[in-house]
Amino acid sequence: MVEVLLLVGLAVAVFVGFNIGGSSTGVAFGPAVGSGTLGKLTAGALMTGFALLGGGTVGVNVIDTMGGDIVPSDQFTLAASVAVLFFVGMALLVSNLFGVPASTSMTAVGAIAGLGVATNTINWETMGRIVTWWLVAPILAFWVCGVIGRYLYPYLDAWLDLDSADDPAFVVGHVGPLPVPRRHPNARTRDVVGTVLVVAIACYMAFSAGASNVANAVAPLVGAGAISVEFGVLVAGGAIGLGAFTIARRTLDTVGSGLTDLPLTAALIVETISASLITFLSLIGIPASLAVSATMCIVGLGWGRATRTTTLSDAAKAARSGKAPSVSVDALAADGHGGGQVKSVKEVPSIGEEDPTTLKAGDLFDPAATARVVVLWVLTPTISAVAAYLVFRFVPVF
């Protein structure tokens, strides 16, 4: 019976990791593949390697938190571990049905919290610390990207000029049977720098995804003592890689939706800030959502970009007079150079001088869709916690 439960638990863990790989690869490498910098096969290989690296380093701290700090590890019987992983898998299914990237971290913590409340073993201090960071991290992501969007984004976009190159920065040659990238003879220095940034940030995003998500697939089994941390990282990392090479090909194809619908410069900023935030939280052992942080980065960047049409003094005067300042909410996805109005850093208009009508390059985010996403982010861990409590409290097998 124990062997059967362990096999079931491993199968569910692989299912969770497989789905994480499918969704995270699109988020991490969508800009790189969409811009033609990398192929899908290379993206899958890099996603696998860096997810394993993230899970095997800072991700171990998250495994420790979820496998023994929220509730004592002795509460993770094999049956309980399988049940927790089942709730995570169901959250992935529900999120796919609604087309919303649910937070597997939040859902897994909700299920573990339900187990702790049902058995009266929950560590409320640890849960309080986790929930506090769940509230602080999105706010921090919003404001950091808001400041970047208002004060730095047009200059970065004009300097990098990532979308204007006619030729690729690198071409692939061969040394014997080995492919070797070489600089294209017509490539500008900024094209080379931009290409390197696109690949480096994608790998950083993959590292962050592994650090935060490996625990979601295997922490209960590690807490139960059924598998070692090292084996758990290999199982989860391998499952993420399997998803990266298979179902992620579809998410990489849909670079015209979600995060990768952003201008390339904006996407790289969102990836860098959200990955840095999640890596930091993983380092201190906090399971947190990469999807939540990335979305709040998008909203913050767009808000900051739109507010460039108004100076702080104008906004203050408008507030005193009761009139709304001139801010275009349709300007959120605007590239500095994309509309043809800015071709160099020197041409970037000062704050307050930008015309709202010139910023309308499409919506960066849909407020209605954002509201639906936020509701489901709150709803899925809540449902997970309540369902886990009822199961662990009243089902005799547990």
Protein backbone atom coordinates (compact mmCIF):
# COMPACT_ATOMS: atom_id res chain seq x y z
CA MET A 1 0.00 0.00 0.00
CA VAL A 2 2.84 2.37 0.89
CA GLU A 3 4.56 1.72 -2.42
CA VAL A 4 1.33 2.37 -4.33
CA LEU A 5 0.77 5.68 -2.49
CA LEU A 6 4.36 6.72 -3.16
CA LEU A 7 3.97 5.99 -6.87
CA VAL A 8 0.71 7.94 -6.92
CA GLY A 9 2.41 10.82 -5.10
CA LEU A 10 5.31 10.85 -7.55
CA ALA A 11 2.89 10.73 -10.48
CA VAL A 12 0.97 13.75 -9.14
CA ALA A 13 4.26 15.57 -8.45
CA VAL A 14 5.35 14.96 -12.04
CA PHE A 15 1.96 16.20 -13.26
CA VAL A 16 2.35 19.40 -11.24
CA GLY A 17 5.92 19.96 -12.44
CA PHE A 18 4.95 19.16 -16.02
CA ASN A 19 2.28 21.88 -15.99
CA ILE A 20 4.62 24.34 -14.27
CA GLY A 21 7.18 23.76 -17.01
CA GLY A 22 4.57 24.29 -19.69
CA SER A 23 3.40 27.63 -18.33
CA SER A 24 6.67 29.01 -16.94
CA THR A 25 8.64 28.40 -20.12
CA GLY A 26 6.26 30.58 -22.10
CA VAL A 27 6.57 33.39 -19.56
CA ALA A 28 10.36 33.13 -19.27
CA PHE A 29 11.33 32.56 -22.90
CA GLY A 30 8.35 33.98 -24.79
CA PRO A 31 10.13 37.29 -25.54
CA ALA A 32 13.32 35.50 -26.61
CA VAL A 33 11.52 33.05 -28.91
CA GLY A 34 9.05 35.66 -30.18
CA SER A 35 11.87 37.99 -31.18
CA GLY A 36 13.68 35.18 -33.01
CA THR A 37 16.62 35.23 -30.60
CA LEU A 38 16.19 31.60 -29.55
CA GLY A 39 14.52 28.51 -30.95
CA LYS A 40 12.02 26.45 -28.99
CA LEU A 41 14.41 23.54 -28.52
CA THR A 42 17.09 25.81 -27.07
CA ALA A 43 14.50 27.51 -24.85
CA GLY A 44 13.39 24.13 -23.49
CA ALA A 45 16.98 23.11 -22.75
CA LEU A 46 17.80 26.39 -20.99
CA MET A 47 14.53 26.28 -19.04
CA THR A 48 15.33 22.77 -17.79
CA GLY A 49 18.87 23.60 -16.77
CA PHE A 50 18.16 26.86 -14.98
CA ALA A 51 15.00 25.57 -13.29
CA LEU A 52 17.05 22.71 -11.86
CA LEU A 53 19.71 25.18 -10.76
CA GLY A 54 17.13 27.41 -9.05
CA GLY A 55 15.38 24.49 -7.39
CA GLY A 56 18.61 22.93 -6.18
CA THR A 57 19.95 26.16 -4.63
CA VAL A 58 17.59 28.77 -3.20
CA GLY A 59 14.56 26.55 -3.89
CA VAL A 60 15.64 24.22 -1.09
CA ASN A 61 14.67 26.93 1.40
CA VAL A 62 11.11 26.95 0.06
CA ILE A 63 10.97 23.14 0.29
CA ASP A 64 11.99 23.40 3.95
CA THR A 65 9.25 25.95 4.66
CA MET A 66 6.49 24.02 2.93
CA GLY A 67 7.71 20.61 4.08
CA GLY A 68 8.03 21.28 7.79
CA ASP A 69 7.65 24.91 8.90
CA ILE A 70 3.97 25.58 8.19
CA VAL A 71 2.99 22.31 9.85
CA PRO A 72 5.34 19.78 11.48
CA SER A 73 6.79 17.33 8.98
CA ASP A 74 5.29 14.40 10.90
CA GLN A 75 1.85 15.53 9.71
CA PHE A 76 2.82 14.69 6.15
CA THR A 77 1.85 11.09 5.93
CA LEU A 78 2.00 9.68 2.43
CA ALA A 79 -1.78 9.92 2.15
CA ALA A 80 -1.76 13.54 3.32
CA SER A 81 1.06 14.39 0.92
CA VAL A 82 -0.82 12.91 -2.02
CA ALA A 83 -3.94 14.85 -1.01
CA VAL A 84 -2.03 18.15 -0.86
CA LEU A 85 -0.49 17.53 -4.28
CA PHE A 86 -3.94 16.62 -5.59
CA PHE A 87 -5.24 20.04 -4.54
CA VAL A 88 -2.34 21.71 -6.34
CA GLY A 89 -3.06 19.68 -9.48
CA MET A 90 -6.75 20.60 -9.33
CA ALA A 91 -5.82 24.28 -9.01
CA LEU A 92 -3.79 23.98 -12.20
CA LEU A 93 -6.76 22.35 -13.92
CA VAL A 94 -9.17 25.07 -12.76
CA SER A 95 -6.78 27.83 -13.79
CA ASN A 96 -6.41 26.29 -17.25
CA LEU A 97 -10.18 26.06 -17.63
CA PHE A 98 -10.56 29.75 -16.75
CA GLY A 99 -7.47 30.75 -18.71
CA VAL A 100 -5.84 32.26 -15.62
CA PRO A 101 -2.36 31.33 -14.35
CA ALA A 102 -3.25 30.40 -10.78
CA SER A 103 -0.54 30.54 -8.16
CA THR A 104 0.51 26.98 -7.43
CA SER A 105 2.56 28.27 -4.47
CA MET A 106 -0.43 29.97 -2.87
CA THR A 107 -2.67 26.99 -3.56
CA ALA A 108 -0.15 24.54 -2.09
CA VAL A 109 0.28 26.70 1.01
CA GLY A 110 -3.51 26.89 1.32
CA ALA A 111 -3.80 23.10 1.27
CA ILE A 112 -1.01 22.73 3.85
CA ALA A 113 -2.67 25.38 6.03
CA GLY A 114 -5.94 23.46 5.81
CA LEU A 115 -4.09 20.36 7.02
CA GLY A 116 -2.57 22.34 9.88
CA VAL A 117 -5.88 23.82 11.03
CA ALA A 118 -7.62 20.44 10.81
CA THR A 119 -4.95 18.83 12.98
CA ASN A 120 -4.38 21.89 15.17
CA THR A 121 -0.68 21.90 14.29
CA ILE A 122 -0.37 24.99 12.10
CA ASN A 123 2.45 27.39 12.86
CA TRP A 124 0.63 30.72 12.79
CA GLU A 125 3.86 32.72 13.02
CA THR A 126 5.16 31.15 9.82
CA MET A 127 1.79 31.57 8.10
CA GLY A 128 1.66 35.21 9.17
CA ARG A 129 5.10 35.83 7.70
CA ILE A 130 4.11 34.17 4.41
CA VAL A 131 0.81 36.05 4.10
CA THR A 132 2.52 39.35 4.96
CA TRP A 133 4.92 38.86 2.06
CA TRP A 134 2.02 37.87 -0.18
CA LEU A 135 0.59 41.34 0.47
CA VAL A 136 3.87 43.27 0.39
CA ALA A 137 5.43 41.67 -2.71
CA PRO A 138 2.73 42.69 -5.26
CA ILE A 139 2.65 46.24 -3.88
CA LEU A 140 6.44 46.44 -4.09
CA ALA A 141 6.37 45.06 -7.64
CA PHE A 142 3.79 47.66 -8.64
CA TRP A 143 5.67 50.64 -7.26
CA VAL A 144 9.13 49.62 -8.46
CA CYS A 145 7.81 49.17 -12.00
CA GLY A 146 5.68 52.30 -11.67
CA VAL A 147 8.80 54.36 -10.95
CA ILE A 148 10.65 52.70 -13.84
CA GLY A 149 7.71 53.31 -16.18
CA ARG A 150 7.47 56.98 -15.28
CA TYR A 151 11.13 57.96 -15.09
CA LEU A 152 13.30 55.39 -16.91
CA TYR A 153 11.33 53.31 -19.41
CA PRO A 154 11.36 55.67 -22.43
CA TYR A 155 15.14 56.14 -22.12
CA LEU A 156 15.78 52.40 -21.80
CA ASP A 157 13.47 51.67 -24.71
CA ALA A 158 15.09 54.29 -26.96
CA TRP A 159 18.63 53.19 -26.07
CA LEU A 160 18.06 49.45 -26.44
CA ASP A 161 15.86 49.84 -29.53
CA LEU A 162 15.26 46.08 -29.44
CA ASP A 163 12.60 45.86 -32.14
CA SER A 164 14.20 47.89 -34.92
CA ALA A 165 17.13 45.73 -36.09
CA ASP A 166 16.82 44.35 -39.63
CA ASP A 167 19.38 41.58 -39.08
CA PRO A 168 19.89 39.23 -36.13
CA ALA A 169 22.73 40.09 -33.75
CA PHE A 170 24.15 36.57 -34.03
CA VAL A 171 24.26 33.87 -36.66
CA VAL A 172 24.98 30.22 -35.98
CA GLY A 173 28.14 28.76 -37.42
CA HIS A 174 29.76 25.40 -36.78
CA VAL A 175 33.08 24.23 -35.42
CA GLY A 176 33.00 20.63 -36.51
CA PRO A 177 29.62 19.25 -35.44
CA LEU A 178 29.15 21.88 -32.71
CA PRO A 179 26.96 24.96 -33.38
CA VAL A 180 28.72 28.19 -32.39
CA PRO A 181 27.06 31.62 -32.37
CA ARG A 182 28.92 34.38 -34.20
CA ARG A 183 28.26 38.09 -34.36
CA HIS A 184 26.43 39.17 -37.49
CA PRO A 185 28.63 41.54 -39.56
CA ASN A 186 25.84 44.16 -39.71
CA ALA A 187 24.93 43.97 -36.02
CA ARG A 188 25.22 47.13 -33.96
CA THR A 189 26.69 47.00 -30.47
CA ARG A 190 23.27 47.76 -28.99
CA ASP A 191 21.80 44.81 -30.95
CA VAL A 192 24.41 42.48 -29.44
CA VAL A 193 23.84 43.87 -25.94
CA GLY A 194 20.08 43.61 -26.37
CA THR A 195 20.25 40.01 -27.57
CA VAL A 196 22.50 38.99 -24.69
CA LEU A 197 20.10 40.72 -22.27
CA VAL A 198 17.08 38.92 -23.72
CA VAL A 199 18.72 35.50 -23.26
CA ALA A 200 20.26 36.28 -19.86
CA ILE A 201 17.02 37.60 -18.39
CA ALA A 202 15.09 34.62 -19.76
CA CYS A 203 17.54 32.28 -18.00
CA TYR A 204 17.22 34.34 -14.83
CA MET A 205 13.43 34.01 -15.06
CA ALA A 206 13.81 30.23 -15.46
CA PHE A 207 16.06 30.15 -12.38
CA SER A 208 13.44 32.08 -10.42
CA ALA A 209 10.64 29.80 -11.63
CA GLY A 210 12.58 26.73 -10.49
CA ALA A 211 13.39 28.30 -7.13
CA SER A 212 9.76 29.10 -6.36
CA ASN A 213 7.98 26.16 -8.00
CA VAL A 214 10.03 23.03 -7.31
CA ALA A 215 8.66 23.00 -3.76
CA ASN A 216 5.08 23.00 -5.05
CA ALA A 217 5.65 19.64 -6.73
CA VAL A 218 7.62 17.76 -4.07
CA ALA A 219 7.61 19.54 -0.68
CA PRO A 220 4.87 17.33 0.85
CA LEU A 221 6.69 14.16 -0.20
CA VAL A 222 9.98 15.51 1.17
CA GLY A 223 8.22 16.50 4.40
CA ALA A 224 6.81 12.99 4.70
CA GLY A 225 10.31 11.56 4.42
CA ALA A 226 9.21 9.55 1.38
CA ILE A 227 11.93 11.07 -0.81
CA SER A 228 15.08 13.09 -0.21
CA VAL A 229 15.41 16.78 -1.05
CA GLU A 230 17.94 16.00 -3.78
CA PHE A 231 15.72 13.38 -5.40
CA GLY A 232 12.74 15.70 -5.10
CA VAL A 233 14.58 18.49 -6.92
CA LEU A 234 15.52 16.07 -9.70
CA VAL A 235 11.93 14.81 -10.03
CA ALA A 236 10.44 18.31 -10.09
CA GLY A 237 13.16 19.72 -12.33
CA GLY A 238 12.84 16.82 -14.72
CA ALA A 239 9.06 17.24 -14.86
CA ILE A 240 9.45 20.98 -15.50
CA GLY A 241 11.87 20.12 -18.31
CA LEU A 242 9.41 17.63 -19.77
CA GLY A 243 6.78 20.36 -19.85
CA ALA A 244 9.29 22.81 -21.34
CA PHE A 245 10.02 20.48 -24.27
CA THR A 246 6.39 19.50 -24.93
CA ILE A 247 3.35 21.59 -23.96
CA ALA A 248 5.46 24.75 -23.64
CA ARG A 249 5.79 24.79 -27.42
CA ARG A 250 2.20 26.00 -27.57
CA THR A 251 2.70 28.71 -24.95
CA LEU A 252 5.79 29.84 -26.84
CA ASP A 253 3.68 30.05 -30.01
CA THR A 254 1.20 32.36 -28.33
CA VAL A 255 3.67 35.20 -27.88
CA GLY A 256 0.89 37.58 -28.91
CA SER A 257 -0.96 37.20 -25.61
CA GLY A 258 -0.29 37.70 -21.94
CA LEU A 259 3.11 38.87 -20.80
CA THR A 260 4.77 38.41 -24.18
CA ASP A 261 2.26 40.78 -25.82
CA LEU A 262 4.30 43.60 -24.28
CA PRO A 263 6.96 45.48 -26.17
CA LEU A 264 10.22 43.59 -25.76
CA THR A 265 11.79 46.22 -23.52
CA ALA A 266 8.75 46.21 -21.23
CA ALA A 267 8.73 42.41 -21.10
CA LEU A 268 12.38 42.34 -20.05
CA ILE A 269 11.76 44.89 -17.29
CA VAL A 270 8.79 42.90 -16.00
CA GLU A 271 10.80 39.66 -16.07
CA THR A 272 13.79 41.19 -14.31
CA ILE A 273 11.84 42.80 -11.47
CA SER A 274 9.45 39.88 -10.89
CA ALA A 275 12.25 37.29 -11.06
CA SER A 276 14.41 39.31 -8.64
CA LEU A 277 11.54 39.62 -6.19
CA ILE A 278 10.68 35.90 -6.30
CA THR A 279 14.34 34.88 -6.06
CA PHE A 280 14.70 37.03 -2.94
CA LEU A 281 11.55 35.53 -1.39
CA SER A 282 12.75 32.01 -2.23
CA LEU A 283 16.09 32.81 -0.61
CA ILE A 284 14.32 33.60 2.68
CA GLY A 285 12.06 30.58 2.32
CA ILE A 286 8.80 32.30 1.33
CA PRO A 287 6.66 30.44 -1.23
CA ALA A 288 5.30 33.16 -3.51
CA SER A 289 3.72 33.53 -6.92
CA LEU A 290 5.78 34.51 -9.93
CA ALA A 291 2.55 35.10 -11.88
CA VAL A 292 1.20 37.54 -9.28
CA SER A 293 4.45 39.50 -9.17
CA ALA A 294 4.76 39.61 -12.95
CA THR A 295 1.19 40.83 -13.38
CA MET A 296 1.62 43.58 -10.80
CA CYS A 297 4.84 44.57 -12.56
CA ILE A 298 2.87 44.89 -15.80
CA VAL A 299 0.20 47.02 -14.14
CA GLY A 300 2.79 49.20 -12.39
CA LEU A 301 4.88 49.69 -15.52
CA GLY A 302 1.82 50.65 -17.52
CA TRP A 303 0.57 53.04 -14.87
CA GLY A 304 3.96 54.70 -14.62
CA ARG A 305 4.22 54.96 -18.41
CA ALA A 306 0.79 56.57 -18.66
CA THR A 307 1.52 59.15 -15.94
CA ARG A 308 4.38 60.66 -17.97
CA THR A 309 1.80 62.93 -19.58
CA THR A 310 1.39 64.78 -16.26
CA THR A 311 3.93 66.36 -13.92
CA LEU A 312 3.58 66.01 -10.17
CA SER A 313 2.85 69.74 -9.83
CA ASP A 314 0.10 69.52 -12.47
CA ALA A 315 -1.37 66.50 -10.71
CA ALA A 316 -1.33 68.38 -7.39
CA LYS A 317 -3.04 71.41 -8.96
CA ALA A 318 -5.64 69.18 -10.56
CA ALA A 319 -6.28 67.46 -7.22
CA ARG A 320 -6.81 70.84 -5.50
CA SER A 321 -9.16 71.99 -8.24
CA GLY A 322 -11.05 68.71 -8.34
CA LYS A 323 -10.19 68.09 -12.01
CA ALA A 324 -8.62 64.88 -13.23
CA PRO A 325 -5.10 65.22 -14.69
CA SER A 326 -4.47 64.36 -18.34
CA VAL A 327 -3.41 60.71 -18.14
CA SER A 328 -4.07 58.26 -20.96
CA VAL A 329 -4.90 54.77 -19.75
CA ASP A 330 -4.73 53.60 -23.35
CA ALA A 331 -1.04 54.47 -23.51
CA LEU A 332 0.15 51.58 -21.42
CA ALA A 333 1.87 49.44 -24.06
CA ALA A 334 3.51 52.26 -25.94
CA ASP A 335 7.06 51.85 -27.10
CA GLY A 336 9.16 54.98 -27.14
CA HIS A 337 10.26 54.23 -30.68
CA GLY A 338 7.45 51.91 -31.67
CA GLY A 339 5.20 54.66 -32.92
CA GLY A 340 8.06 56.28 -34.75
CA GLN A 341 8.19 59.30 -32.47
CA VAL A 342 11.40 58.54 -30.55
CA LYS A 343 14.55 57.26 -32.25
CA SER A 344 17.19 58.20 -29.68
CA VAL A 345 17.54 58.95 -25.99
CA LYS A 346 17.89 62.68 -26.75
CA GLU A 347 14.44 62.72 -28.36
CA VAL A 348 12.58 61.36 -25.31
CA PRO A 349 10.02 64.00 -24.23
CA SER A 350 10.21 65.25 -20.66
CA ILE A 351 7.52 64.35 -18.17
CA GLY A 352 4.48 66.49 -18.83
CA GLU A 353 5.43 67.10 -22.47
CA GLU A 354 4.20 63.79 -23.89
CA ASP A 355 0.93 63.95 -25.79
CA PRO A 356 -1.53 61.28 -24.56
CA THR A 357 -2.72 60.72 -28.13
CA THR A 358 0.78 59.66 -29.24
CA LEU A 359 0.99 57.00 -26.56
CA LYS A 360 -1.93 54.90 -27.77
CA ALA A 361 -0.16 51.75 -28.91
CA GLY A 362 -2.66 49.34 -27.36
CA ASP A 363 -3.61 48.37 -23.86
CA LEU A 364 -0.93 46.92 -21.64
CA PHE A 365 -3.52 45.21 -19.49
CA ASP A 366 -7.26 44.72 -19.53
CA PRO A 367 -8.72 45.99 -16.21
CA ALA A 368 -11.59 43.48 -16.36
CA ALA A 369 -9.21 40.59 -17.04
CA THR A 370 -6.88 41.82 -14.29
CA ALA A 371 -9.79 41.89 -11.83
CA ARG A 372 -10.74 38.32 -12.80
CA VAL A 373 -7.16 37.19 -12.31
CA VAL A 374 -6.90 38.81 -8.87
CA VAL A 375 -10.22 37.29 -7.76
CA LEU A 376 -9.07 33.82 -8.82
CA TRP A 377 -5.72 34.31 -7.08
CA VAL A 378 -7.60 34.93 -3.84
CA LEU A 379 -10.21 32.29 -4.54
CA THR A 380 -8.01 29.32 -5.46
CA PRO A 381 -5.90 29.21 -2.25
CA THR A 382 -9.04 29.88 -0.21
CA ILE A 383 -10.88 26.98 -1.83
CA SER A 384 -7.76 24.84 -1.43
CA ALA A 385 -7.52 25.64 2.29
CA VAL A 386 -11.22 25.06 2.97
CA ALA A 387 -11.33 21.83 0.95
CA ALA A 388 -8.16 20.54 2.62
CA TYR A 389 -9.56 21.35 6.07
CA LEU A 390 -12.78 19.47 5.37
CA VAL A 391 -10.92 16.46 3.92
CA PHE A 392 -8.30 16.23 6.67
CA ARG A 393 -10.85 16.89 9.41
CA PHE A 394 -13.67 14.61 8.41
CA VAL A 395 -12.41 11.90 6.00
CA PRO A 396 -11.47 8.89 8.15
CA VAL A 397 -8.51 7.76 6.04
CA PHE A 398 -6.58 10.89 7.11
